[in-house]
Every structure is written in structure tokens, then in C-alpha cells.
Amino acid sequence: MPPSPVPPAVADELSRLVRRWQQLPVGQASVRMPRVVTVVGGLAALSGATSAPPDLGPAVVMDQLVVTAYDACSEGRADDALALLTTLRRDL
């Protein structure tokens, strides 16, 4: 099995974000959804996507975040992905 393209710093940031998201009350998560969706779109753009992923709601958005971060890292954009993820965590 080939090694993951996601460096440890990005994986750690993703873990922190997922934990933080799971701890948010639903009302707070709903208020923060637009920000998370924006970052998911930014990560998708880093990987060369021509359109943003659809907004599937708060129950799925962290899965979208993880997948788009993986894709960005696969394209050699790990540093940019880390910057987006770190800023998002601070915003949550």
C-alpha cells in the first residue's frame, strides 16, 4: 500500500477539526456551516476541481473536508491545505 499523501501536520489538523465539529451544538454548527463549506470549496480548488462540492449539510461536511484535503495533498498542495485548515479551526 502506498504511503498517504497527507502529511502528519495536515492529518493532525483534520483530527482536531473533526473533534471540534463533533462537540459543537447543532445550532452553532449550522451557523458555522457557510465557513466550512467555503474551506471545502477552497480545498477542492487546490486539487484542480472546477466546481465546489455540493453542500450536503453538517452531518457530512467533515467527511467532505477530509476528502478534499486528501485530494489537495495528492496534488502537492499540503502547505496551502494546512493553512486553510488551521484558519478554519481557529474560526470554529
N, C-alpha and C. Protein backbone atom coordinates (compact mmCIF):
# COMPACT_ATOMS: atom_id res chain seq x y z
N MET A 1 0.85 -1.18 0.00
CA MET A 1 0.00 0.00 0.00
C MET A 1 0.90 1.24 0.00
N PRO A 2 0.64 2.18 -0.91
CA PRO A 2 1.47 3.39 -0.97
C PRO A 2 1.22 4.29 0.25
N PRO A 3 2.21 5.08 0.61
CA PRO A 3 2.02 5.97 1.76
C PRO A 3 0.98 7.04 1.46
N SER A 4 0.37 7.54 2.50
CA SER A 4 -0.64 8.59 2.34
C SER A 4 0.03 9.88 1.89
N PRO A 5 -0.61 10.63 1.01
CA PRO A 5 -0.06 11.92 0.59
C PRO A 5 -0.28 13.01 1.64
N VAL A 6 -1.06 12.67 2.68
CA VAL A 6 -1.39 13.65 3.72
C VAL A 6 -0.29 13.65 4.78
N PRO A 7 0.44 14.77 4.89
CA PRO A 7 1.49 14.83 5.91
C PRO A 7 0.89 14.85 7.32
N PRO A 8 1.69 14.46 8.31
CA PRO A 8 1.19 14.41 9.68
C PRO A 8 0.56 15.72 10.17
N ALA A 9 1.11 16.85 9.80
CA ALA A 9 0.56 18.13 10.27
C ALA A 9 -0.87 18.33 9.76
N VAL A 10 -1.12 17.96 8.52
CA VAL A 10 -2.48 18.09 7.95
C VAL A 10 -3.40 17.07 8.61
N ALA A 11 -2.93 15.85 8.80
CA ALA A 11 -3.75 14.82 9.45
C ALA A 11 -4.12 15.24 10.87
N ASP A 12 -3.17 15.82 11.59
CA ASP A 12 -3.44 16.29 12.95
C ASP A 12 -4.49 17.41 12.95
N GLU A 13 -4.35 18.33 12.02
CA GLU A 13 -5.31 19.44 11.94
C GLU A 13 -6.70 18.92 11.60
N LEU A 14 -6.79 17.97 10.69
CA LEU A 14 -8.07 17.37 10.35
C LEU A 14 -8.70 16.70 11.57
N SER A 15 -7.90 15.98 12.33
CA SER A 15 -8.41 15.31 13.54
C SER A 15 -8.96 16.33 14.53
N ARG A 16 -8.23 17.42 14.71
CA ARG A 16 -8.69 18.48 15.62
C ARG A 16 -10.02 19.07 15.15
N LEU A 17 -10.10 19.34 13.85
CA LEU A 17 -11.33 19.92 13.30
C LEU A 17 -12.52 18.98 13.46
N VAL A 18 -12.33 17.72 13.16
CA VAL A 18 -13.42 16.75 13.27
C VAL A 18 -13.88 16.66 14.72
N ARG A 19 -12.95 16.58 15.66
CA ARG A 19 -13.32 16.53 17.09
C ARG A 19 -14.08 17.77 17.50
N ARG A 20 -13.58 18.94 17.11
CA ARG A 20 -14.24 20.19 17.46
C ARG A 20 -15.65 20.24 16.87
N TRP A 21 -15.79 19.83 15.62
CA TRP A 21 -17.09 19.85 14.95
C TRP A 21 -18.08 18.94 15.69
N GLN A 22 -17.62 17.76 16.09
CA GLN A 22 -18.48 16.81 16.78
C GLN A 22 -18.95 17.34 18.13
N GLN A 23 -18.21 18.25 18.71
CA GLN A 23 -18.56 18.79 20.02
C GLN A 23 -19.47 20.01 19.94
N LEU A 24 -19.64 20.58 18.75
CA LEU A 24 -20.48 21.76 18.62
C LEU A 24 -21.96 21.40 18.72
N PRO A 25 -22.72 22.20 19.45
CA PRO A 25 -24.18 22.01 19.40
C PRO A 25 -24.68 22.27 17.97
N VAL A 26 -25.78 21.66 17.62
CA VAL A 26 -26.31 21.74 16.25
C VAL A 26 -26.52 23.18 15.81
N GLY A 27 -27.03 24.02 16.68
CA GLY A 27 -27.25 25.42 16.33
C GLY A 27 -25.97 26.13 15.96
N GLN A 28 -24.92 25.90 16.73
CA GLN A 28 -23.63 26.53 16.43
C GLN A 28 -23.02 25.97 15.16
N ALA A 29 -23.19 24.67 14.95
CA ALA A 29 -22.68 24.06 13.72
C ALA A 29 -23.38 24.66 12.50
N SER A 30 -24.68 24.85 12.60
CA SER A 30 -25.42 25.43 11.48
C SER A 30 -24.94 26.83 11.15
N VAL A 31 -24.66 27.61 12.17
CA VAL A 31 -24.17 28.98 11.96
C VAL A 31 -22.80 28.97 11.29
N ARG A 32 -21.98 27.98 11.60
CA ARG A 32 -20.61 27.92 11.07
C ARG A 32 -20.50 27.18 9.73
N MET A 33 -21.58 26.56 9.31
CA MET A 33 -21.56 25.79 8.06
C MET A 33 -21.05 26.58 6.85
N PRO A 34 -21.49 27.82 6.63
CA PRO A 34 -21.00 28.53 5.45
C PRO A 34 -19.48 28.65 5.42
N ARG A 35 -18.88 28.85 6.56
CA ARG A 35 -17.42 28.96 6.61
C ARG A 35 -16.76 27.63 6.24
N VAL A 36 -17.29 26.55 6.76
CA VAL A 36 -16.72 25.23 6.46
C VAL A 36 -16.91 24.90 4.98
N VAL A 37 -18.07 25.20 4.44
CA VAL A 37 -18.33 24.94 3.03
C VAL A 37 -17.37 25.74 2.15
N THR A 38 -17.06 26.95 2.57
CA THR A 38 -16.10 27.77 1.82
C THR A 38 -14.72 27.11 1.80
N VAL A 39 -14.30 26.57 2.94
CA VAL A 39 -12.99 25.91 3.01
C VAL A 39 -13.01 24.62 2.19
N VAL A 40 -14.09 23.87 2.23
CA VAL A 40 -14.19 22.66 1.40
C VAL A 40 -14.03 23.05 -0.07
N GLY A 41 -14.68 24.13 -0.47
CA GLY A 41 -14.53 24.61 -1.85
C GLY A 41 -13.11 25.04 -2.17
N GLY A 42 -12.46 25.70 -1.20
CA GLY A 42 -11.08 26.12 -1.39
C GLY A 42 -10.14 24.94 -1.54
N LEU A 43 -10.36 23.91 -0.73
CA LEU A 43 -9.54 22.70 -0.84
C LEU A 43 -9.78 22.00 -2.18
N ALA A 44 -11.03 21.97 -2.60
CA ALA A 44 -11.33 21.36 -3.90
C ALA A 44 -10.62 22.12 -5.02
N ALA A 45 -10.61 23.44 -4.93
CA ALA A 45 -9.92 24.25 -5.95
C ALA A 45 -8.43 23.97 -5.96
N LEU A 46 -7.84 23.73 -4.78
CA LEU A 46 -6.41 23.42 -4.72
C LEU A 46 -6.08 22.13 -5.48
N SER A 47 -7.04 21.24 -5.54
CA SER A 47 -6.79 19.98 -6.23
C SER A 47 -7.16 20.04 -7.71
N GLY A 48 -7.60 21.22 -8.16
CA GLY A 48 -7.90 21.40 -9.57
C GLY A 48 -9.36 21.23 -9.93
N ALA A 49 -10.24 21.07 -8.95
CA ALA A 49 -11.67 20.94 -9.25
C ALA A 49 -12.17 22.24 -9.86
N THR A 50 -13.07 22.11 -10.80
CA THR A 50 -13.61 23.30 -11.46
C THR A 50 -14.90 23.78 -10.82
N SER A 51 -15.47 22.99 -9.92
CA SER A 51 -16.65 23.43 -9.18
C SER A 51 -16.54 22.92 -7.74
N ALA A 52 -17.21 23.65 -6.86
CA ALA A 52 -17.19 23.28 -5.44
C ALA A 52 -18.09 22.06 -5.21
N PRO A 53 -17.73 21.24 -4.24
CA PRO A 53 -18.62 20.13 -3.88
C PRO A 53 -19.96 20.67 -3.38
N PRO A 54 -21.02 19.90 -3.50
CA PRO A 54 -22.33 20.37 -3.02
C PRO A 54 -22.36 20.46 -1.49
N ASP A 55 -23.19 21.34 -1.00
CA ASP A 55 -23.40 21.46 0.45
C ASP A 55 -24.37 20.36 0.86
N LEU A 56 -23.85 19.36 1.56
CA LEU A 56 -24.65 18.21 1.97
C LEU A 56 -25.08 18.28 3.43
N GLY A 57 -24.76 19.38 4.10
CA GLY A 57 -25.21 19.57 5.47
C GLY A 57 -24.15 19.26 6.50
N PRO A 58 -24.45 19.61 7.75
CA PRO A 58 -23.45 19.49 8.83
C PRO A 58 -23.05 18.06 9.17
N ALA A 59 -23.91 17.09 8.90
CA ALA A 59 -23.55 15.71 9.23
C ALA A 59 -22.48 15.14 8.30
N VAL A 60 -22.34 15.72 7.11
CA VAL A 60 -21.43 15.17 6.10
C VAL A 60 -20.24 16.08 5.83
N VAL A 61 -20.31 17.32 6.26
CA VAL A 61 -19.31 18.30 5.85
C VAL A 61 -17.89 17.93 6.29
N MET A 62 -17.72 17.29 7.42
CA MET A 62 -16.37 16.91 7.84
C MET A 62 -15.81 15.81 6.94
N ASP A 63 -16.66 14.93 6.46
CA ASP A 63 -16.19 13.92 5.50
C ASP A 63 -15.74 14.60 4.21
N GLN A 64 -16.50 15.59 3.77
CA GLN A 64 -16.10 16.35 2.58
C GLN A 64 -14.77 17.07 2.81
N LEU A 65 -14.60 17.61 4.00
CA LEU A 65 -13.37 18.31 4.34
C LEU A 65 -12.17 17.36 4.27
N VAL A 66 -12.32 16.19 4.84
CA VAL A 66 -11.23 15.20 4.84
C VAL A 66 -10.88 14.78 3.42
N VAL A 67 -11.89 14.50 2.61
CA VAL A 67 -11.65 14.04 1.23
C VAL A 67 -10.99 15.14 0.40
N THR A 68 -11.49 16.36 0.52
CA THR A 68 -10.91 17.44 -0.29
C THR A 68 -9.50 17.79 0.19
N ALA A 69 -9.23 17.65 1.48
CA ALA A 69 -7.87 17.87 1.98
C ALA A 69 -6.93 16.79 1.43
N TYR A 70 -7.39 15.56 1.40
CA TYR A 70 -6.60 14.47 0.83
C TYR A 70 -6.27 14.77 -0.64
N ASP A 71 -7.30 15.19 -1.37
CA ASP A 71 -7.10 15.49 -2.79
C ASP A 71 -6.10 16.63 -2.99
N ALA A 72 -6.20 17.67 -2.16
CA ALA A 72 -5.27 18.80 -2.26
C ALA A 72 -3.84 18.34 -1.98
N CYS A 73 -3.69 17.51 -0.96
CA CYS A 73 -2.35 17.00 -0.64
C CYS A 73 -1.81 16.11 -1.76
N SER A 74 -2.70 15.35 -2.38
CA SER A 74 -2.29 14.50 -3.51
C SER A 74 -1.75 15.31 -4.67
N GLU A 75 -2.21 16.56 -4.77
CA GLU A 75 -1.75 17.45 -5.84
C GLU A 75 -0.55 18.29 -5.40
N GLY A 76 0.03 17.97 -4.26
CA GLY A 76 1.22 18.70 -3.79
C GLY A 76 0.91 20.02 -3.12
N ARG A 77 -0.31 20.22 -2.68
CA ARG A 77 -0.73 21.50 -2.08
C ARG A 77 -0.94 21.38 -0.57
N ALA A 78 -0.17 20.52 0.08
CA ALA A 78 -0.34 20.28 1.52
C ALA A 78 -0.15 21.54 2.35
N ASP A 79 0.82 22.37 2.01
CA ASP A 79 1.05 23.59 2.79
C ASP A 79 -0.15 24.53 2.70
N ASP A 80 -0.71 24.65 1.51
CA ASP A 80 -1.89 25.50 1.33
C ASP A 80 -3.09 24.92 2.07
N ALA A 81 -3.24 23.61 2.00
CA ALA A 81 -4.34 22.94 2.71
C ALA A 81 -4.20 23.14 4.21
N LEU A 82 -3.00 23.00 4.71
CA LEU A 82 -2.77 23.19 6.15
C LEU A 82 -3.15 24.60 6.58
N ALA A 83 -2.80 25.58 5.78
CA ALA A 83 -3.13 26.97 6.12
C ALA A 83 -4.65 27.16 6.18
N LEU A 84 -5.38 26.62 5.21
CA LEU A 84 -6.84 26.73 5.23
C LEU A 84 -7.44 26.03 6.44
N LEU A 85 -6.94 24.84 6.74
CA LEU A 85 -7.48 24.06 7.86
C LEU A 85 -7.20 24.73 9.20
N THR A 86 -6.01 25.27 9.35
CA THR A 86 -5.65 25.94 10.60
C THR A 86 -6.51 27.16 10.83
N THR A 87 -6.72 27.93 9.79
CA THR A 87 -7.58 29.12 9.91
C THR A 87 -9.01 28.71 10.24
N LEU A 88 -9.50 27.66 9.60
CA LEU A 88 -10.85 27.19 9.88
C LEU A 88 -10.99 26.76 11.34
N ARG A 89 -10.03 26.01 11.83
CA ARG A 89 -10.10 25.56 13.24
C ARG A 89 -10.17 26.76 14.17
N ARG A 90 -9.39 27.77 13.91
CA ARG A 90 -9.42 28.97 14.76
C ARG A 90 -10.75 29.70 14.67
N ASP A 91 -11.38 29.62 13.49
CA ASP A 91 -12.69 30.27 13.31
C ASP A 91 -13.83 29.52 14.00
N LEU A 92 -13.66 28.22 14.17
CA LEU A 92 -14.72 27.44 14.80
C LEU A 92 -14.71 27.66 16.29
